[in-house]
């Protein structure tokens, strides 16, 4: 089963908090991962550090590593759609 991971970057003053509290948790068929994060092994902290520090060249060079990192976390066999929402991105 192919996984789909959606990342909501939460640009400031665009109703991100409203979406995180009222919309995203209620979308059927999507595993929503947002604030407050229940972060096993500091996954989101590590992921955020990876993403924020990359420029286009670093991203292209490390794209496969990023995909593998995400796949290692999103292993729920009953779900293939995930949504991450975080203003830090």
N, C-alpha and C. Protein backbone atom coordinates (compact mmCIF):
# COMPACT_ATOMS: atom_id res chain seq x y z
N UNK A 1 0.86 -1.18 0.00
CA UNK A 1 0.00 0.00 0.00
C UNK A 1 0.90 1.24 0.00
N UNK A 2 0.72 2.12 -0.95
CA UNK A 2 1.48 3.36 -1.01
C UNK A 2 0.99 4.33 0.05
N UNK A 3 1.93 5.00 0.68
CA UNK A 3 1.58 6.00 1.68
C UNK A 3 1.59 7.37 1.04
N UNK A 4 0.67 8.21 1.50
CA UNK A 4 0.64 9.61 1.10
C UNK A 4 0.80 10.43 2.36
N UNK A 5 1.79 11.31 2.33
CA UNK A 5 2.05 12.17 3.48
C UNK A 5 1.88 13.61 3.03
N UNK A 6 0.94 14.30 3.67
CA UNK A 6 0.67 15.70 3.37
C UNK A 6 1.26 16.55 4.49
N UNK A 7 1.92 17.63 4.13
CA UNK A 7 2.51 18.52 5.13
C UNK A 7 1.88 19.90 4.98
N UNK A 8 1.21 20.32 6.05
CA UNK A 8 0.62 21.66 6.11
C UNK A 8 1.64 22.54 6.83
N UNK A 9 2.16 23.55 6.14
CA UNK A 9 3.23 24.35 6.71
C UNK A 9 2.74 25.47 7.62
N UNK A 10 1.47 25.75 7.62
CA UNK A 10 0.91 26.69 8.58
C UNK A 10 1.47 28.08 8.52
N UNK A 11 1.43 28.71 7.37
CA UNK A 11 1.90 30.08 7.24
C UNK A 11 1.20 30.96 8.27
N UNK A 12 1.92 31.91 8.90
CA UNK A 12 1.32 32.73 9.96
C UNK A 12 0.05 33.47 9.53
N UNK A 13 -0.88 33.54 10.45
CA UNK A 13 -2.14 34.27 10.29
C UNK A 13 -3.02 33.74 9.15
N UNK A 14 -3.01 32.42 8.97
CA UNK A 14 -3.85 31.81 7.93
C UNK A 14 -4.80 30.77 8.51
N UNK A 15 -5.14 30.91 9.78
CA UNK A 15 -6.10 30.04 10.46
C UNK A 15 -5.55 28.64 10.74
N UNK A 16 -4.24 28.51 10.87
CA UNK A 16 -3.64 27.20 11.14
C UNK A 16 -4.16 26.58 12.44
N UNK A 17 -4.23 27.36 13.49
CA UNK A 17 -4.71 26.84 14.77
C UNK A 17 -6.14 26.33 14.65
N UNK A 18 -6.98 27.06 13.95
CA UNK A 18 -8.36 26.62 13.73
C UNK A 18 -8.38 25.29 12.98
N UNK A 19 -7.59 25.19 11.93
CA UNK A 19 -7.53 23.95 11.16
C UNK A 19 -7.02 22.80 12.03
N UNK A 20 -5.98 23.05 12.84
CA UNK A 20 -5.39 22.01 13.68
C UNK A 20 -6.35 21.52 14.75
N UNK A 21 -7.20 22.40 15.25
CA UNK A 21 -8.11 22.01 16.33
C UNK A 21 -9.44 21.47 15.83
N UNK A 22 -9.94 22.01 14.72
CA UNK A 22 -11.32 21.72 14.32
C UNK A 22 -11.50 20.92 13.03
N UNK A 23 -10.57 21.03 12.13
CA UNK A 23 -10.74 20.39 10.82
C UNK A 23 -9.89 19.13 10.68
N UNK A 24 -8.58 19.28 10.82
CA UNK A 24 -7.67 18.16 10.56
C UNK A 24 -7.97 16.91 11.39
N UNK A 25 -8.27 17.03 12.70
CA UNK A 25 -8.53 15.82 13.47
C UNK A 25 -9.80 15.08 13.05
N UNK A 26 -10.67 15.75 12.30
CA UNK A 26 -11.95 15.16 11.92
C UNK A 26 -12.02 14.68 10.48
N UNK A 27 -10.91 14.72 9.77
CA UNK A 27 -10.91 14.24 8.39
C UNK A 27 -10.86 12.71 8.40
N UNK A 28 -11.88 12.12 7.86
CA UNK A 28 -11.98 10.67 7.84
C UNK A 28 -10.95 10.06 6.88
N UNK A 29 -10.30 9.00 7.32
CA UNK A 29 -9.36 8.28 6.48
C UNK A 29 -7.95 8.85 6.47
N UNK A 30 -7.71 9.86 7.30
CA UNK A 30 -6.37 10.45 7.38
C UNK A 30 -5.91 10.41 8.84
N UNK A 31 -4.68 9.96 9.03
CA UNK A 31 -4.08 9.98 10.35
C UNK A 31 -3.43 11.34 10.53
N UNK A 32 -4.03 12.18 11.37
CA UNK A 32 -3.56 13.54 11.58
C UNK A 32 -2.52 13.56 12.69
N UNK A 33 -1.39 14.18 12.40
CA UNK A 33 -0.31 14.33 13.38
C UNK A 33 0.00 15.81 13.50
N UNK A 34 -0.43 16.40 14.59
CA UNK A 34 -0.23 17.83 14.76
C UNK A 34 -0.07 18.19 16.21
N UNK A 35 -0.04 19.47 16.46
CA UNK A 35 0.16 19.95 17.82
C UNK A 35 -1.00 19.57 18.72
N UNK A 36 -0.74 19.18 19.93
CA UNK A 36 0.59 18.87 20.45
C UNK A 36 1.04 17.51 19.93
N UNK A 37 2.29 17.43 19.50
CA UNK A 37 2.82 16.18 18.97
C UNK A 37 3.05 15.19 20.09
N UNK A 38 2.62 13.97 19.86
CA UNK A 38 2.96 12.86 20.74
C UNK A 38 4.18 12.23 20.09
N UNK A 39 5.32 12.76 20.40
CA UNK A 39 6.54 12.54 19.64
C UNK A 39 7.36 11.38 20.21
N UNK A 40 7.28 10.24 19.54
CA UNK A 40 8.11 9.12 19.99
C UNK A 40 9.53 9.29 19.45
N UNK A 41 10.50 9.17 20.32
CA UNK A 41 11.92 9.25 19.96
C UNK A 41 12.30 10.58 19.30
N UNK A 42 11.62 11.67 19.68
CA UNK A 42 11.91 13.01 19.12
C UNK A 42 11.84 13.03 17.60
N UNK A 43 10.96 12.25 17.02
CA UNK A 43 10.85 12.15 15.56
C UNK A 43 10.64 13.51 14.91
N UNK A 44 9.64 14.25 15.38
CA UNK A 44 9.32 15.52 14.72
C UNK A 44 10.41 16.56 14.94
N UNK A 45 11.02 16.56 16.10
CA UNK A 45 12.13 17.49 16.33
C UNK A 45 13.27 17.21 15.35
N UNK A 46 13.62 15.96 15.19
CA UNK A 46 14.68 15.59 14.25
C UNK A 46 14.29 15.89 12.81
N UNK A 47 13.05 15.58 12.46
CA UNK A 47 12.56 15.83 11.10
C UNK A 47 12.58 17.32 10.80
N UNK A 48 12.10 18.11 11.75
CA UNK A 48 12.07 19.56 11.55
C UNK A 48 13.48 20.11 11.33
N UNK A 49 14.44 19.64 12.12
CA UNK A 49 15.83 20.10 11.95
C UNK A 49 16.36 19.74 10.58
N UNK A 50 16.03 18.55 10.10
CA UNK A 50 16.47 18.15 8.76
C UNK A 50 15.89 19.07 7.70
N UNK A 51 14.60 19.29 7.74
CA UNK A 51 13.92 20.05 6.71
C UNK A 51 14.32 21.53 6.73
N UNK A 52 14.37 22.13 7.90
CA UNK A 52 14.63 23.56 7.99
C UNK A 52 16.04 23.92 7.53
N UNK A 53 16.99 23.05 7.76
CA UNK A 53 18.37 23.39 7.42
C UNK A 53 18.73 23.12 5.97
N UNK A 54 17.85 22.46 5.23
CA UNK A 54 18.17 22.11 3.84
C UNK A 54 17.85 23.24 2.88
N UNK A 55 18.78 23.50 1.98
CA UNK A 55 18.47 24.34 0.83
C UNK A 55 18.07 23.38 -0.30
N UNK A 56 17.79 23.89 -1.49
CA UNK A 56 17.35 23.02 -2.59
C UNK A 56 18.35 21.93 -2.92
N UNK A 57 19.62 22.28 -2.92
CA UNK A 57 20.66 21.30 -3.26
C UNK A 57 20.73 20.18 -2.21
N UNK A 58 20.70 20.57 -0.92
CA UNK A 58 20.71 19.56 0.14
C UNK A 58 19.47 18.68 0.09
N UNK A 59 18.33 19.31 -0.17
CA UNK A 59 17.09 18.54 -0.26
C UNK A 59 17.18 17.51 -1.38
N UNK A 60 17.59 17.93 -2.55
CA UNK A 60 17.67 17.00 -3.69
C UNK A 60 18.64 15.86 -3.40
N UNK A 61 19.74 16.18 -2.74
CA UNK A 61 20.75 15.17 -2.43
C UNK A 61 20.24 14.18 -1.38
N UNK A 62 19.39 14.63 -0.47
CA UNK A 62 18.94 13.82 0.66
C UNK A 62 17.48 13.40 0.58
N UNK A 63 16.85 13.61 -0.55
CA UNK A 63 15.42 13.33 -0.70
C UNK A 63 15.07 11.88 -0.31
N UNK A 64 15.85 10.92 -0.78
CA UNK A 64 15.57 9.51 -0.47
C UNK A 64 15.68 9.23 1.02
N UNK A 65 16.65 9.86 1.67
CA UNK A 65 16.81 9.69 3.12
C UNK A 65 15.59 10.24 3.86
N UNK A 66 15.07 11.38 3.40
CA UNK A 66 13.89 11.97 4.02
C UNK A 66 12.69 11.04 3.86
N UNK A 67 12.51 10.50 2.68
CA UNK A 67 11.40 9.57 2.42
C UNK A 67 11.52 8.33 3.32
N UNK A 68 12.70 7.77 3.42
CA UNK A 68 12.91 6.60 4.29
C UNK A 68 12.63 6.95 5.75
N UNK A 69 13.06 8.12 6.18
CA UNK A 69 12.83 8.56 7.55
C UNK A 69 11.33 8.66 7.83
N UNK A 70 10.59 9.26 6.92
CA UNK A 70 9.14 9.37 7.08
C UNK A 70 8.48 7.99 7.06
N UNK A 71 8.89 7.14 6.14
CA UNK A 71 8.31 5.80 6.05
C UNK A 71 8.54 4.99 7.32
N UNK A 72 9.68 5.21 7.98
CA UNK A 72 9.96 4.47 9.21
C UNK A 72 8.98 4.85 10.32
N UNK A 73 8.53 6.08 10.31
CA UNK A 73 7.59 6.55 11.33
C UNK A 73 6.15 6.17 11.01
N UNK A 74 5.79 6.28 9.75
CA UNK A 74 4.41 6.04 9.34
C UNK A 74 4.24 4.59 8.91
N UNK A 75 4.12 3.74 9.89
CA UNK A 75 4.06 2.31 9.59
C UNK A 75 2.71 1.68 9.92
N UNK A 76 1.72 2.49 10.22
CA UNK A 76 0.39 1.98 10.53
C UNK A 76 -0.18 1.28 9.29
N UNK A 77 -0.38 -0.03 9.40
CA UNK A 77 -0.84 -0.82 8.26
C UNK A 77 -2.30 -0.53 7.89
N UNK A 78 -3.05 0.07 8.82
CA UNK A 78 -4.46 0.36 8.57
C UNK A 78 -4.68 1.73 7.94
N UNK A 79 -3.61 2.48 7.73
CA UNK A 79 -3.76 3.83 7.21
C UNK A 79 -2.68 4.09 6.18
N UNK A 80 -3.04 4.75 5.10
CA UNK A 80 -2.04 5.09 4.08
C UNK A 80 -2.00 6.59 3.79
N UNK A 81 -2.77 7.38 4.55
CA UNK A 81 -2.76 8.83 4.37
C UNK A 81 -2.48 9.50 5.71
N UNK A 82 -1.49 10.37 5.70
CA UNK A 82 -1.08 11.07 6.90
C UNK A 82 -1.02 12.57 6.63
N UNK A 83 -1.34 13.34 7.65
CA UNK A 83 -1.28 14.80 7.55
C UNK A 83 -0.47 15.32 8.73
N UNK A 84 0.60 16.06 8.43
CA UNK A 84 1.42 16.71 9.46
C UNK A 84 1.12 18.21 9.34
N UNK A 85 0.82 18.84 10.47
CA UNK A 85 0.61 20.28 10.46
C UNK A 85 1.51 20.91 11.51
N UNK A 86 2.34 21.86 11.05
CA UNK A 86 3.30 22.47 11.96
C UNK A 86 3.75 23.82 11.39
N UNK A 87 3.62 24.85 12.19
CA UNK A 87 4.00 26.18 11.75
C UNK A 87 5.52 26.30 11.56
N UNK A 88 6.28 25.42 12.18
CA UNK A 88 7.73 25.48 12.10
C UNK A 88 8.29 25.18 10.73
N UNK A 89 7.50 24.51 9.89
CA UNK A 89 7.98 24.19 8.56
C UNK A 89 7.92 25.43 7.70
